[in-house]
Structures are given as C-alpha cells and as structure tokens.
Amino acid sequence: MRFSISRKIPGPDLEAALPKRYSGLTDATTRRRRQLTLLAFPDDHVVTSADAARALKRLEGKGDDVVAFMGDATTEALASLRGAGARVFTLRSFGWTDARYAAIRHPPSHERDRGPGGRPK
C-alpha cells in the first residue's frame, strides 16, 4: 500500500499540503504546531497494522510531530500510530480489526469456490 510523507510543514500550512479529500479534518491544536510531518494514506483504503508499521519505520527518529490522514484504519493500526505519538485523522471509523478485515479481503478457500447466493460454482 502506498502512502506519502511530507516533512517540515508549518502547522498553519497543513491544510494546503493535504490531499483535497482530507481538507477540513484537522483541528486548531494541530494547526498551531510549529512543524509537522504529514503521513497521508489513500482515502479508499483501510490501513492495517502492517501498513502502519511500514510507514512508522520510514519515519523513525525524525523528531517532528506526526499527523496521519487515512480513509479508515483497523483498531491495531490506530493504536500503533497513536502509540508512536501521531495524531490520526480518518474519514470513516468502521471499527475493523486486522483479522476481520483480512477475512473479507481473503475469504477461506471454500467460500471462494462458491458463486452468487452461496451456490457451488
């Protein structure tokens, strides 16, 4: 999963640096920050803990406050990002877990062998 990282963004300029879909999500506290690192995930994707771990690895030891924007995220991904000190903003909050999201993304083999209405192919 792709994500973008933008560094050294002054807090008041954050809205201008965001993809349009995320404009209006930030709060005054975030915009008052002196300097931020922006982590933006695609808005049509559910961020999993593996996605969050990859992003955090690329951010390791950079010092600025991190703000992360995403369409939705699993509870594990949110905990991981928040645990690393990131402020997280999402468009949706369905309440996925990594396991539940993986189950719908990769159904068990016996379910893949079924057609519409659950009938065998």
PDB file of N, CA and C in Angstrom:
ATOM      1  N   MET A   1       0.842  -1.171   0.000  1.00  0.00           N
ATOM      2  CA  MET A   1       0.000   0.000   0.000  1.00  0.00           C
ATOM      3  C   MET A   1       0.877   1.220   0.000  1.00  0.00           C
ATOM      4  N   ARG A   2       0.562   2.150  -0.813  1.00  0.00           N
ATOM      5  CA  ARG A   2       1.345   3.370  -0.936  1.00  0.00           C
ATOM      6  C   ARG A   2       0.860   4.416   0.058  1.00  0.00           C
ATOM      7  N   PHE A   3       1.792   5.239   0.473  1.00  0.00           N
ATOM      8  CA  PHE A   3       1.488   6.373   1.331  1.00  0.00           C
ATOM      9  C   PHE A   3       2.517   7.441   1.023  1.00  0.00           C
ATOM     10  N   SER A   4       2.216   8.663   1.385  1.00  0.00           N
ATOM     11  CA  SER A   4       3.182   9.731   1.146  1.00  0.00           C
ATOM     12  C   SER A   4       3.590  10.364   2.468  1.00  0.00           C
ATOM     13  N   ILE A   5       4.822  10.826   2.496  1.00  0.00           N
ATOM     14  CA  ILE A   5       5.361  11.506   3.662  1.00  0.00           C
ATOM     15  C   ILE A   5       5.841  12.884   3.216  1.00  0.00           C
ATOM     16  N   SER A   6       5.373  13.914   3.892  1.00  0.00           N
ATOM     17  CA  SER A   6       5.835  15.282   3.648  1.00  0.00           C
ATOM     18  C   SER A   6       6.377  15.797   4.965  1.00  0.00           C
ATOM     19  N   ARG A   7       7.584  16.305   4.942  1.00  0.00           N
ATOM     20  CA  ARG A   7       8.253  16.729   6.170  1.00  0.00           C
ATOM     21  C   ARG A   7       8.350  18.245   6.273  1.00  0.00           C
ATOM     22  N   LYS A   8       8.512  18.695   7.517  1.00  0.00           N
ATOM     23  CA  LYS A   8       8.769  20.103   7.833  1.00  0.00           C
ATOM     24  C   LYS A   8       7.681  21.045   7.316  1.00  0.00           C
ATOM     25  N   ILE A   9       6.434  20.656   7.530  1.00  0.00           N
ATOM     26  CA  ILE A   9       5.307  21.500   7.133  1.00  0.00           C
ATOM     27  C   ILE A   9       4.907  22.352   8.335  1.00  0.00           C
ATOM     28  N   PRO A  10       4.897  23.672   8.189  1.00  0.00           N
ATOM     29  CA  PRO A  10       4.425  24.513   9.300  1.00  0.00           C
ATOM     30  C   PRO A  10       2.947  24.198   9.585  1.00  0.00           C
ATOM     31  N   GLY A  11       2.591  24.124  10.849  1.00  0.00           N
ATOM     32  CA  GLY A  11       1.211  23.801  11.227  1.00  0.00           C
ATOM     33  C   GLY A  11       0.151  24.623  10.506  1.00  0.00           C
ATOM     34  N   PRO A  12       0.320  25.960  10.432  1.00  0.00           N
ATOM     35  CA  PRO A  12      -0.695  26.761   9.744  1.00  0.00           C
ATOM     36  C   PRO A  12      -0.832  26.440   8.250  1.00  0.00           C
ATOM     37  N   ASP A  13       0.181  25.817   7.644  1.00  0.00           N
ATOM     38  CA  ASP A  13       0.144  25.488   6.214  1.00  0.00           C
ATOM     39  C   ASP A  13      -0.313  24.051   5.953  1.00  0.00           C
ATOM     40  N   LEU A  14      -0.702  23.340   6.986  1.00  0.00           N
ATOM     41  CA  LEU A  14      -1.057  21.931   6.842  1.00  0.00           C
ATOM     42  C   LEU A  14      -2.205  21.715   5.861  1.00  0.00           C
ATOM     43  N   GLU A  15      -3.260  22.495   5.966  1.00  0.00           N
ATOM     44  CA  GLU A  15      -4.423  22.312   5.073  1.00  0.00           C
ATOM     45  C   GLU A  15      -4.018  22.390   3.606  1.00  0.00           C
ATOM     46  N   ALA A  16      -3.125  23.295   3.274  1.00  0.00           N
ATOM     47  CA  ALA A  16      -2.687  23.446   1.884  1.00  0.00           C
ATOM     48  C   ALA A  16      -1.867  22.247   1.418  1.00  0.00           C
ATOM     49  N   ALA A  17      -1.205  21.559   2.328  1.00  0.00           N
ATOM     50  CA  ALA A  17      -0.364  20.408   1.977  1.00  0.00           C
ATOM     51  C   ALA A  17      -1.160  19.112   1.865  1.00  0.00           C
ATOM     52  N   LEU A  18      -2.388  19.104   2.363  1.00  0.00           N
ATOM     53  CA  LEU A  18      -3.205  17.885   2.376  1.00  0.00           C
ATOM     54  C   LEU A  18      -3.840  17.597   1.022  1.00  0.00           C
ATOM     55  N   PRO A  19      -4.033  16.307   0.699  1.00  0.00           N
ATOM     56  CA  PRO A  19      -4.891  15.978  -0.444  1.00  0.00           C
ATOM     57  C   PRO A  19      -6.286  16.557  -0.183  1.00  0.00           C
ATOM     58  N   LYS A  20      -6.937  17.020  -1.218  1.00  0.00           N
ATOM     59  CA  LYS A  20      -8.246  17.703  -1.092  1.00  0.00           C
ATOM     60  C   LYS A  20      -9.257  16.915  -0.269  1.00  0.00           C
ATOM     61  N   ARG A  21      -9.251  15.606  -0.425  1.00  0.00           N
ATOM     62  CA  ARG A  21     -10.237  14.764   0.272  1.00  0.00           C
ATOM     63  C   ARG A  21     -10.150  14.915   1.792  1.00  0.00           C
ATOM     64  N   TYR A  22      -8.975  15.262   2.303  1.00  0.00           N
ATOM     65  CA  TYR A  22      -8.777  15.370   3.747  1.00  0.00           C
ATOM     66  C   TYR A  22      -8.899  16.799   4.279  1.00  0.00           C
ATOM     67  N   SER A  23      -9.147  17.741   3.413  1.00  0.00           N
ATOM     68  CA  SER A  23      -9.234  19.121   3.900  1.00  0.00           C
ATOM     69  C   SER A  23     -10.414  19.268   4.858  1.00  0.00           C
ATOM     70  N   GLY A  24     -10.206  20.036   5.893  1.00  0.00           N
ATOM     71  CA  GLY A  24     -11.246  20.268   6.887  1.00  0.00           C
ATOM     72  C   GLY A  24     -11.216  19.296   8.059  1.00  0.00           C
ATOM     73  N   LEU A  25     -10.371  18.280   8.017  1.00  0.00           N
ATOM     74  CA  LEU A  25     -10.317  17.306   9.113  1.00  0.00           C
ATOM     75  C   LEU A  25      -9.451  17.764  10.281  1.00  0.00           C
ATOM     76  N   THR A  26      -8.479  18.608  10.015  1.00  0.00           N
ATOM     77  CA  THR A  26      -7.549  18.995  11.078  1.00  0.00           C
ATOM     78  C   THR A  26      -8.235  19.866  12.121  1.00  0.00           C
ATOM     79  N   ASP A  27      -7.653  19.883  13.301  1.00  0.00           N
ATOM     80  CA  ASP A  27      -8.185  20.710  14.374  1.00  0.00           C
ATOM     81  C   ASP A  27      -7.225  21.870  14.671  1.00  0.00           C
ATOM     82  N   ALA A  28      -7.691  22.824  15.446  1.00  0.00           N
ATOM     83  CA  ALA A  28      -6.892  24.018  15.750  1.00  0.00           C
ATOM     84  C   ALA A  28      -5.602  23.662  16.481  1.00  0.00           C
ATOM     85  N   THR A  29      -5.647  22.672  17.344  1.00  0.00           N
ATOM     86  CA  THR A  29      -4.443  22.267  18.078  1.00  0.00           C
ATOM     87  C   THR A  29      -3.354  21.813  17.118  1.00  0.00           C
ATOM     88  N   THR A  30      -3.728  21.056  16.130  1.00  0.00           N
ATOM     89  CA  THR A  30      -2.758  20.571  15.145  1.00  0.00           C
ATOM     90  C   THR A  30      -2.225  21.717  14.299  1.00  0.00           C
ATOM     91  N   ARG A  31      -3.108  22.614  13.886  1.00  0.00           N
ATOM     92  CA  ARG A  31      -2.671  23.735  13.045  1.00  0.00           C
ATOM     93  C   ARG A  31      -1.773  24.711  13.794  1.00  0.00           C
ATOM     94  N   ARG A  32      -1.802  24.698  15.123  1.00  0.00           N
ATOM     95  CA  ARG A  32      -0.941  25.579  15.909  1.00  0.00           C
ATOM     96  C   ARG A  32       0.470  25.016  16.108  1.00  0.00           C
ATOM     97  N   ARG A  33       0.682  23.776  15.734  1.00  0.00           N
ATOM     98  CA  ARG A  33       2.007  23.170  15.889  1.00  0.00           C
ATOM     99  C   ARG A  33       3.019  23.915  15.024  1.00  0.00           C
ATOM    100  N   ARG A  34       4.229  23.966  15.524  1.00  0.00           N
ATOM    101  CA  ARG A  34       5.272  24.711  14.813  1.00  0.00           C
ATOM    102  C   ARG A  34       5.648  24.034  13.492  1.00  0.00           C
ATOM    103  N   GLN A  35       5.925  22.733  13.550  1.00  0.00           N
ATOM    104  CA  GLN A  35       6.355  22.000  12.367  1.00  0.00           C
ATOM    105  C   GLN A  35       5.847  20.564  12.449  1.00  0.00           C
ATOM    106  N   LEU A  36       5.378  20.042  11.321  1.00  0.00           N
ATOM    107  CA  LEU A  36       4.758  18.721  11.300  1.00  0.00           C
ATOM    108  C   LEU A  36       5.331  17.847  10.192  1.00  0.00           C
ATOM    109  N   THR A  37       5.207  16.557  10.397  1.00  0.00           N
ATOM    110  CA  THR A  37       5.443  15.586   9.333  1.00  0.00           C
ATOM    111  C   THR A  37       4.080  15.001   8.982  1.00  0.00           C
ATOM    112  N   LEU A  38       3.725  15.080   7.713  1.00  0.00           N
ATOM    113  CA  LEU A  38       2.431  14.625   7.225  1.00  0.00           C
ATOM    114  C   LEU A  38       2.565  13.232   6.628  1.00  0.00           C
ATOM    115  N   LEU A  39       1.731  12.332   7.094  1.00  0.00           N
ATOM    116  CA  LEU A  39       1.663  10.966   6.588  1.00  0.00           C
ATOM    117  C   LEU A  39       0.267  10.800   6.004  1.00  0.00           C
ATOM    118  N   ALA A  40       0.179  10.622   4.685  1.00  0.00           N
ATOM    119  CA  ALA A  40      -1.126  10.527   4.020  1.00  0.00           C
ATOM    120  C   ALA A  40      -1.271   9.189   3.309  1.00  0.00           C
ATOM    121  N   PHE A  41      -2.304   8.450   3.692  1.00  0.00           N
ATOM    122  CA  PHE A  41      -2.644   7.179   3.063  1.00  0.00           C
ATOM    123  C   PHE A  41      -3.783   7.429   2.077  1.00  0.00           C
ATOM    124  N   PRO A  42      -3.974   6.546   1.095  1.00  0.00           N
ATOM    125  CA  PRO A  42      -5.101   6.699   0.171  1.00  0.00           C
ATOM    126  C   PRO A  42      -6.437   6.699   0.925  1.00  0.00           C
ATOM    127  N   ASP A  43      -7.368   7.511   0.465  1.00  0.00           N
ATOM    128  CA  ASP A  43      -8.648   7.626   1.170  1.00  0.00           C
ATOM    129  C   ASP A  43      -9.577   6.445   0.927  1.00  0.00           C
ATOM    130  N   ASP A  44      -9.281   5.608  -0.050  1.00  0.00           N
ATOM    131  CA  ASP A  44     -10.163   4.473  -0.359  1.00  0.00           C
ATOM    132  C   ASP A  44      -9.626   3.154   0.204  1.00  0.00           C
ATOM    133  N   HIS A  45      -8.721   3.245   1.150  1.00  0.00           N
ATOM    134  CA  HIS A  45      -8.073   2.053   1.690  1.00  0.00           C
ATOM    135  C   HIS A  45      -8.256   1.985   3.203  1.00  0.00           C
ATOM    136  N   VAL A  46      -8.336   0.762   3.724  1.00  0.00           N
ATOM    137  CA  VAL A  46      -8.330   0.559   5.165  1.00  0.00           C
ATOM    138  C   VAL A  46      -6.882   0.274   5.565  1.00  0.00           C
ATOM    139  N   VAL A  47      -6.307   1.128   6.382  1.00  0.00           N
ATOM    140  CA  VAL A  47      -4.922   0.975   6.819  1.00  0.00           C
ATOM    141  C   VAL A  47      -4.864  -0.119   7.890  1.00  0.00           C
ATOM    142  N   THR A  48      -4.004  -1.102   7.677  1.00  0.00           N
ATOM    143  CA  THR A  48      -3.834  -2.189   8.637  1.00  0.00           C
ATOM    144  C   THR A  48      -2.600  -1.921   9.496  1.00  0.00           C
ATOM    145  N   SER A  49      -2.401  -2.752  10.506  1.00  0.00           N
ATOM    146  CA  SER A  49      -1.227  -2.568  11.359  1.00  0.00           C
ATOM    147  C   SER A  49       0.068  -2.765  10.571  1.00  0.00           C
ATOM    148  N   ALA A  50       0.061  -3.634   9.565  1.00  0.00           N
ATOM    149  CA  ALA A  50       1.252  -3.824   8.726  1.00  0.00           C
ATOM    150  C   ALA A  50       1.554  -2.549   7.933  1.00  0.00           C
ATOM    151  N   ASP A  51       0.517  -1.899   7.401  1.00  0.00           N
ATOM    152  CA  ASP A  51       0.695  -0.633   6.683  1.00  0.00           C
ATOM    153  C   ASP A  51       1.259   0.434   7.618  1.00  0.00           C
ATOM    154  N   ALA A  52       0.701   0.506   8.813  1.00  0.00           N
ATOM    155  CA  ALA A  52       1.156   1.490   9.799  1.00  0.00           C
ATOM    156  C   ALA A  52       2.608   1.236  10.195  1.00  0.00           C
ATOM    157  N   ALA A  53       2.973  -0.030  10.379  1.00  0.00           N
ATOM    158  CA  ALA A  53       4.345  -0.370  10.758  1.00  0.00           C
ATOM    159  C   ALA A  53       5.337   0.042   9.673  1.00  0.00           C
ATOM    160  N   ARG A  54       4.979  -0.189   8.400  1.00  0.00           N
ATOM    161  CA  ARG A  54       5.859   0.221   7.299  1.00  0.00           C
ATOM    162  C   ARG A  54       6.043   1.736   7.282  1.00  0.00           C
ATOM    163  N   ALA A  55       4.966   2.460   7.484  1.00  0.00           N
ATOM    164  CA  ALA A  55       5.043   3.922   7.484  1.00  0.00           C
ATOM    165  C   ALA A  55       5.873   4.420   8.661  1.00  0.00           C
ATOM    166  N   LEU A  56       5.650   3.850   9.840  1.00  0.00           N
ATOM    167  CA  LEU A  56       6.398   4.280  11.024  1.00  0.00           C
ATOM    168  C   LEU A  56       7.884   3.967  10.892  1.00  0.00           C
ATOM    169  N   LYS A  57       8.197   2.876  10.235  1.00  0.00           N
ATOM    170  CA  LYS A  57       9.607   2.528  10.029  1.00  0.00           C
ATOM    171  C   LYS A  57      10.297   3.597   9.186  1.00  0.00           C
ATOM    172  N   ARG A  58       9.604   4.108   8.189  1.00  0.00           N
ATOM    173  CA  ARG A  58      10.187   5.169   7.349  1.00  0.00           C
ATOM    174  C   ARG A  58      10.300   6.491   8.088  1.00  0.00           C
ATOM    175  N   LEU A  59       9.503   6.687   9.126  1.00  0.00           N
ATOM    176  CA  LEU A  59       9.533   7.930   9.898  1.00  0.00           C
ATOM    177  C   LEU A  59      10.521   7.888  11.053  1.00  0.00           C
ATOM    178  N   GLU A  60      11.021   6.732  11.378  1.00  0.00           N
ATOM    179  CA  GLU A  60      11.806   6.502  12.583  1.00  0.00           C
ATOM    180  C   GLU A  60      12.843   7.591  12.864  1.00  0.00           C
ATOM    181  N   GLY A  61      12.739   8.175  14.062  1.00  0.00           N
ATOM    182  CA  GLY A  61      13.747   9.093  14.552  1.00  0.00           C
ATOM    183  C   GLY A  61      13.829  10.445  13.876  1.00  0.00           C
ATOM    184  N   LYS A  62      12.769  10.945  13.311  1.00  0.00           N
ATOM    185  CA  LYS A  62      12.835  12.204  12.583  1.00  0.00           C
ATOM    186  C   LYS A  62      12.457  13.422  13.421  1.00  0.00           C
ATOM    187  N   GLY A  63      11.849  13.247  14.579  1.00  0.00           N
ATOM    188  CA  GLY A  63      11.665  14.347  15.521  1.00  0.00           C
ATOM    189  C   GLY A  63      10.409  15.199  15.433  1.00  0.00           C
ATOM    190  N   ASP A  64       9.916  15.547  14.246  1.00  0.00           N
ATOM    191  CA  ASP A  64       8.729  16.400  14.154  1.00  0.00           C
ATOM    192  C   ASP A  64       7.483  15.659  14.627  1.00  0.00           C
ATOM    193  N   ASP A  65       6.460  16.432  15.035  1.00  0.00           N
ATOM    194  CA  ASP A  65       5.165  15.841  15.341  1.00  0.00           C
ATOM    195  C   ASP A  65       4.595  15.244  14.057  1.00  0.00           C
ATOM    196  N   VAL A  66       3.982  14.070  14.170  1.00  0.00           N
ATOM    197  CA  VAL A  66       3.433  13.373  13.001  1.00  0.00           C
ATOM    198  C   VAL A  66       1.917  13.477  13.023  1.00  0.00           C
ATOM    199  N   VAL A  67       1.348  13.819  11.859  1.00  0.00           N
ATOM    200  CA  VAL A  67      -0.101  13.763  11.678  1.00  0.00           C
ATOM    201  C   VAL A  67      -0.368  12.795  10.530  1.00  0.00           C
ATOM    202  N   ALA A  68      -1.316  11.894  10.738  1.00  0.00           N
ATOM    203  CA  ALA A  68      -1.629  10.870   9.746  1.00  0.00           C
ATOM    204  C   ALA A  68      -3.076  11.012   9.302  1.00  0.00           C
ATOM    205  N   PHE A  69      -3.289  10.923   7.994  1.00  0.00           N
ATOM    206  CA  PHE A  69      -4.625  11.018   7.404  1.00  0.00           C
ATOM    207  C   PHE A  69      -4.886   9.769   6.593  1.00  0.00           C
ATOM    208  N   MET A  70      -6.107   9.223   6.732  1.00  0.00           N
ATOM    209  CA  MET A  70      -6.465   7.995   6.031  1.00  0.00           C
ATOM    210  C   MET A  70      -7.980   7.892   5.885  1.00  0.00           C
ATOM    211  N   GLY A  71      -8.398   7.019   4.967  1.00  0.00           N
ATOM    212  CA  GLY A  71      -9.822   6.785   4.797  1.00  0.00           C
ATOM    213  C   GLY A  71     -10.410   6.064   5.997  1.00  0.00           C
ATOM    214  N   ASP A  72      -9.792   4.961   6.384  1.00  0.00           N
ATOM    215  CA  ASP A  72     -10.208   4.176   7.549  1.00  0.00           C
ATOM    216  C   ASP A  72      -8.993   3.375   8.007  1.00  0.00           C
ATOM    217  N   ALA A  73      -9.070   2.808   9.188  1.00  0.00           N
ATOM    218  CA  ALA A  73      -7.949   2.038   9.726  1.00  0.00           C
ATOM    219  C   ALA A  73      -8.466   0.991  10.693  1.00  0.00           C
ATOM    220  N   THR A  74      -7.690  -0.070  10.837  1.00  0.00           N
ATOM    221  CA  THR A  74      -8.034  -1.083  11.833  1.00  0.00           C
ATOM    222  C   THR A  74      -7.693  -0.545  13.224  1.00  0.00           C
ATOM    223  N   THR A  75      -8.279  -1.143  14.232  1.00  0.00           N
ATOM    224  CA  THR A  75      -8.002  -0.699  15.603  1.00  0.00           C
ATOM    225  C   THR A  75      -6.529  -0.880  15.944  1.00  0.00           C
ATOM    226  N   GLU A  76      -5.903  -1.922  15.411  1.00  0.00           N
ATOM    227  CA  GLU A  76      -4.483  -2.151  15.665  1.00  0.00           C
ATOM    228  C   GLU A  76      -3.619  -1.071  15.014  1.00  0.00           C
ATOM    229  N   ALA A  77      -3.974  -0.670  13.801  1.00  0.00           N
ATOM    230  CA  ALA A  77      -3.220   0.387  13.119  1.00  0.00           C
ATOM    231  C   ALA A  77      -3.344   1.710  13.870  1.00  0.00           C
ATOM    232  N   LEU A  78      -4.550   2.026  14.317  1.00  0.00           N
ATOM    233  CA  LEU A  78      -4.756   3.264  15.083  1.00  0.00           C
ATOM    234  C   LEU A  78      -3.932   3.247  16.363  1.00  0.00           C
ATOM    235  N   ALA A  79      -3.941   2.117  17.063  1.00  0.00           N
ATOM    236  CA  ALA A  79      -3.178   2.007  18.304  1.00  0.00           C
ATOM    237  C   ALA A  79      -1.682   2.157  18.040  1.00  0.00           C
ATOM    238  N   SER A  80      -1.210   1.575  16.968  1.00  0.00           N
ATOM    239  CA  SER A  80       0.207   1.653  16.615  1.00  0.00           C
ATOM    240  C   SER A  80       0.624   3.091  16.300  1.00  0.00           C
ATOM    241  N   LEU A  81      -0.164   3.767  15.486  1.00  0.00           N
ATOM    242  CA  LEU A  81       0.146   5.151  15.121  1.00  0.00           C
ATOM    243  C   LEU A  81       0.067   6.080  16.338  1.00  0.00           C
ATOM    244  N   ARG A  82      -0.985   5.922  17.112  1.00  0.00           N
ATOM    245  CA  ARG A  82      -1.123   6.766  18.313  1.00  0.00           C
ATOM    246  C   ARG A  82      -0.040   6.453  19.338  1.00  0.00           C
ATOM    247  N   GLY A  83       0.330   5.189  19.454  1.00  0.00           N
ATOM    248  CA  GLY A  83       1.388   4.790  20.367  1.00  0.00           C
ATOM    249  C   GLY A  83       2.734   5.403  20.001  1.00  0.00           C
ATOM    250  N   ALA A  84       2.919   5.689  18.714  1.00  0.00           N
ATOM    251  CA  ALA A  84       4.150   6.321  18.239  1.00  0.00           C
ATOM    252  C   ALA A  84       4.065   7.846  18.340  1.00  0.00           C
ATOM    253  N   GLY A  85       2.931   8.341  18.869  1.00  0.00           N
ATOM    254  CA  GLY A  85       2.788   9.776  19.073  1.00  0.00           C
ATOM    255  C   GLY A  85       2.121  10.536  17.937  1.00  0.00           C
ATOM    256  N   ALA A  86       1.606   9.830  16.936  1.00  0.00           N
ATOM    257  CA  ALA A  86       0.957  10.501  15.802  1.00  0.00           C
ATOM    258  C   ALA A  86      -0.459  10.934  16.161  1.00  0.00           C
ATOM    259  N   ARG A  87      -0.855  12.069  15.622  1.00  0.00           N
ATOM    260  CA  ARG A  87      -2.261  12.486  15.670  1.00  0.00           C
ATOM    261  C   ARG A  87      -2.907  11.900  14.421  1.00  0.00           C
ATOM    262  N   VAL A  88      -4.018  11.194  14.593  1.00  0.00           N
ATOM    263  CA  VAL A  88      -4.628  10.454  13.488  1.00  0.00           C
ATOM    264  C   VAL A  88      -5.992  11.039  13.145  1.00  0.00           C
ATOM    265  N   PHE A  89      -6.210  11.232  11.835  1.00  0.00           N
ATOM    266  CA  PHE A  89      -7.491  11.731  11.332  1.00  0.00           C
ATOM    267  C   PHE A  89      -7.991  10.763  10.262  1.00  0.00           C
ATOM    268  N   THR A  90      -9.252  10.306  10.397  1.00  0.00           N
ATOM    269  CA  THR A  90      -9.826   9.374   9.427  1.00  0.00           C
ATOM    270  C   THR A  90     -11.132   9.936   8.869  1.00  0.00           C
ATOM    271  N   LEU A  91     -11.447   9.533   7.650  1.00  0.00           N
ATOM    272  CA  LEU A  91     -12.720   9.917   7.043  1.00  0.00           C
ATOM    273  C   LEU A  91     -13.857   9.052   7.583  1.00  0.00           C
ATOM    274  N   ARG A  92     -13.537   7.789   7.878  1.00  0.00           N
ATOM    275  CA  ARG A  92     -14.526   6.837   8.383  1.00  0.00           C
ATOM    276  C   ARG A  92     -13.948   6.118   9.587  1.00  0.00           C
ATOM    277  N   SER A  93     -14.820   5.515  10.361  1.00  0.00           N
ATOM    278  CA  SER A  93     -14.372   4.750  11.519  1.00  0.00           C
ATOM    279  C   SER A  93     -15.283   3.540  11.677  1.00  0.00           C
ATOM    280  N   PHE A  94     -15.053   2.536  10.840  1.00  0.00           N
ATOM    281  CA  PHE A  94     -15.922   1.359  10.834  1.00  0.00           C
ATOM    282  C   PHE A  94     -15.674   0.461  12.037  1.00  0.00           C
ATOM    283  N   GLY A  95     -14.447   0.440  12.548  1.00  0.00           N
ATOM    284  CA  GLY A  95     -14.140  -0.422  13.684  1.00  0.00           C
ATOM    285  C   GLY A  95     -13.535  -1.758  13.287  1.00  0.00           C
ATOM    286  N   TRP A  96     -12.886  -1.802  12.126  1.00  0.00           N
ATOM    287  CA  TRP A  96     -12.240  -3.030  11.676  1.00  0.00           C
ATOM    288  C   TRP A  96     -11.147  -3.469  12.650  1.00  0.00           C
ATOM    289  N   THR A  97     -10.910  -4.768  12.699  1.00  0.00           N
ATOM    290  CA  THR A  97      -9.681  -5.295  13.293  1.00  0.00           C
ATOM    291  C   THR A  97      -8.877  -5.859  12.124  1.00  0.00           C
ATOM    292  N   ASP A  98      -7.592  -6.095  12.328  1.00  0.00           N
ATOM    293  CA  ASP A  98      -6.785  -6.685  11.251  1.00  0.00           C
ATOM    294  C   ASP A  98      -7.381  -8.016  10.795  1.00  0.00           C
ATOM    295  N   ALA A  99      -7.779  -8.847  11.752  1.00  0.00           N
ATOM    296  CA  ALA A  99      -8.308 -10.176  11.420  1.00  0.00           C
ATOM    297  C   ALA A  99      -9.622 -10.090  10.644  1.00  0.00           C
ATOM    298  N   ARG A 100     -10.528  -9.229  11.081  1.00  0.00           N
ATOM    299  CA  ARG A 100     -11.817  -9.107  10.378  1.00  0.00           C
ATOM    300  C   ARG A 100     -11.628  -8.557   8.980  1.00  0.00           C
ATOM    301  N   TYR A 101     -10.736  -7.595   8.830  1.00  0.00           N
ATOM    302  CA  TYR A 101     -10.504  -7.027   7.510  1.00  0.00           C
ATOM    303  C   TYR A 101      -9.823  -8.037   6.590  1.00  0.00           C
ATOM    304  N   ALA A 102      -8.873  -8.794   7.121  1.00  0.00           N
ATOM    305  CA  ALA A 102      -8.208  -9.831   6.324  1.00  0.00           C
ATOM    306  C   ALA A 102      -9.213 -10.900   5.883  1.00  0.00           C
ATOM    307  N   ALA A 103     -10.167 -11.223   6.734  1.00  0.00           N
ATOM    308  CA  ALA A 103     -11.157 -12.255   6.408  1.00  0.00           C
ATOM    309  C   ALA A 103     -12.027 -11.855   5.221  1.00  0.00           C
ATOM    310  N   ILE A 104     -12.363 -10.587   5.104  1.00  0.00           N
ATOM    311  CA  ILE A 104     -13.189 -10.195   3.950  1.00  0.00           C
ATOM    312  C   ILE A 104     -12.344  -9.970   2.709  1.00  0.00           C
ATOM    313  N   ARG A 105     -11.070  -9.631   2.909  1.00  0.00           N
ATOM    314  CA  ARG A 105     -10.170  -9.421   1.773  1.00  0.00           C
ATOM    315  C   ARG A 105      -9.727 -10.753   1.177  1.00  0.00           C
ATOM    316  N   HIS A 106      -9.558 -11.765   2.002  1.00  0.00           N
ATOM    317  CA  HIS A 106      -9.088 -13.079   1.571  1.00  0.00           C
ATOM    318  C   HIS A 106      -9.970 -14.149   2.209  1.00  0.00           C
ATOM    319  N   PRO A 107     -11.162 -14.371   1.654  1.00  0.00           N
ATOM    320  CA  PRO A 107     -12.070 -15.357   2.270  1.00  0.00           C
ATOM    321  C   PRO A 107     -11.469 -16.761   2.235  1.00  0.00           C
ATOM    322  N   PRO A 108     -11.915 -17.620   3.160  1.00  0.00           N
ATOM    323  CA  PRO A 108     -11.442 -19.011   3.159  1.00  0.00           C
ATOM    324  C   PRO A 108     -11.690 -19.659   1.799  1.00  0.00           C
ATOM    325  N   SER A 109     -10.863 -20.636   1.434  1.00  0.00           N
ATOM    326  CA  SER A 109     -10.933 -21.233   0.098  1.00  0.00           C
ATOM    327  C   SER A 109     -12.306 -21.816  -0.215  1.00  0.00           C
ATOM    328  N   HIS A 110     -13.000 -22.378   0.776  1.00  0.00           N
ATOM    329  CA  HIS A 110     -14.313 -22.961   0.484  1.00  0.00           C
ATOM    330  C   HIS A 110     -15.327 -21.879   0.110  1.00  0.00           C
ATOM    331  N   GLU A 111     -15.136 -20.650   0.546  1.00  0.00           N
ATOM    332  CA  GLU A 111     -16.045 -19.560   0.172  1.00  0.00           C
ATOM    333  C   GLU A 111     -15.717 -19.024  -1.217  1.00  0.00           C
ATOM    334  N   ARG A 112     -14.451 -19.113  -1.628  1.00  0.00           N
ATOM    335  CA  ARG A 112     -14.069 -18.635  -2.964  1.00  0.00           C
ATOM    336  C   ARG A 112     -14.624 -19.544  -4.041  1.00  0.00           C
ATOM    337  N   ASP A 113     -14.921 -20.804  -3.701  1.00  0.00           N
ATOM    338  CA  ASP A 113     -15.423 -21.762  -4.667  1.00  0.00           C
ATOM    339  C   ASP A 113     -16.924 -21.677  -4.858  1.00  0.00           C
ATOM    340  N   ARG A 114     -17.536 -20.687  -4.293  1.00  0.00           N
ATOM    341  CA  ARG A 114     -18.985 -20.551  -4.390  1.00  0.00           C
ATOM    342  C   ARG A 114     -19.349 -19.372  -5.287  1.00  0.00           C
ATOM    343  N   GLY A 115     -20.443 -19.524  -5.953  1.00  0.00           N
ATOM    344  CA  GLY A 115     -20.942 -18.479  -6.832  1.00  0.00           C
ATOM    345  C   GLY A 115     -21.923 -17.574  -6.105  1.00  0.00           C
ATOM    346  N   PRO A 116     -22.667 -16.770  -6.865  1.00  0.00           N
ATOM    347  CA  PRO A 116     -23.676 -15.884  -6.252  1.00  0.00           C
ATOM    348  C   PRO A 116     -24.695 -16.685  -5.455  1.00  0.00           C
ATOM    349  N   GLY A 117     -25.112 -16.149  -4.338  1.00  0.00           N
ATOM    350  CA  GLY A 117     -26.100 -16.813  -3.494  1.00  0.00           C
ATOM    351  C   GLY A 117     -25.534 -17.968  -2.697  1.00  0.00           C
ATOM    352  N   GLY A 118     -24.215 -18.161  -2.718  1.00  0.00           N
ATOM    353  CA  GLY A 118     -23.574 -19.216  -1.937  1.00  0.00           C
ATOM    354  C   GLY A 118     -23.631 -20.583  -2.595  1.00  0.00           C
ATOM    355  N   ARG A 119     -24.101 -20.632  -3.850  1.00  0.00           N
ATOM    356  CA  ARG A 119     -24.173 -21.920  -4.543  1.00  0.00           C
ATOM    357  C   ARG A 119     -22.806 -22.329  -5.062  1.00  0.00           C
ATOM    358  N   PRO A 120     -22.487 -23.628  -5.070  1.00  0.00           N
ATOM    359  CA  PRO A 120     -21.207 -24.085  -5.652  1.00  0.00           C
ATOM    360  C   PRO A 120     -21.119 -23.685  -7.113  1.00  0.00           C
ATOM    361  N   LYS A 121     -19.911 -23.383  -7.546  1.00  0.00           N
ATOM    362  CA  LYS A 121     -19.698 -22.987  -8.959  1.00  0.00           C
ATOM    363  C   LYS A 121     -19.790 -24.180  -9.872  1.00  0.00           C
TER     364      LYS A 121
END
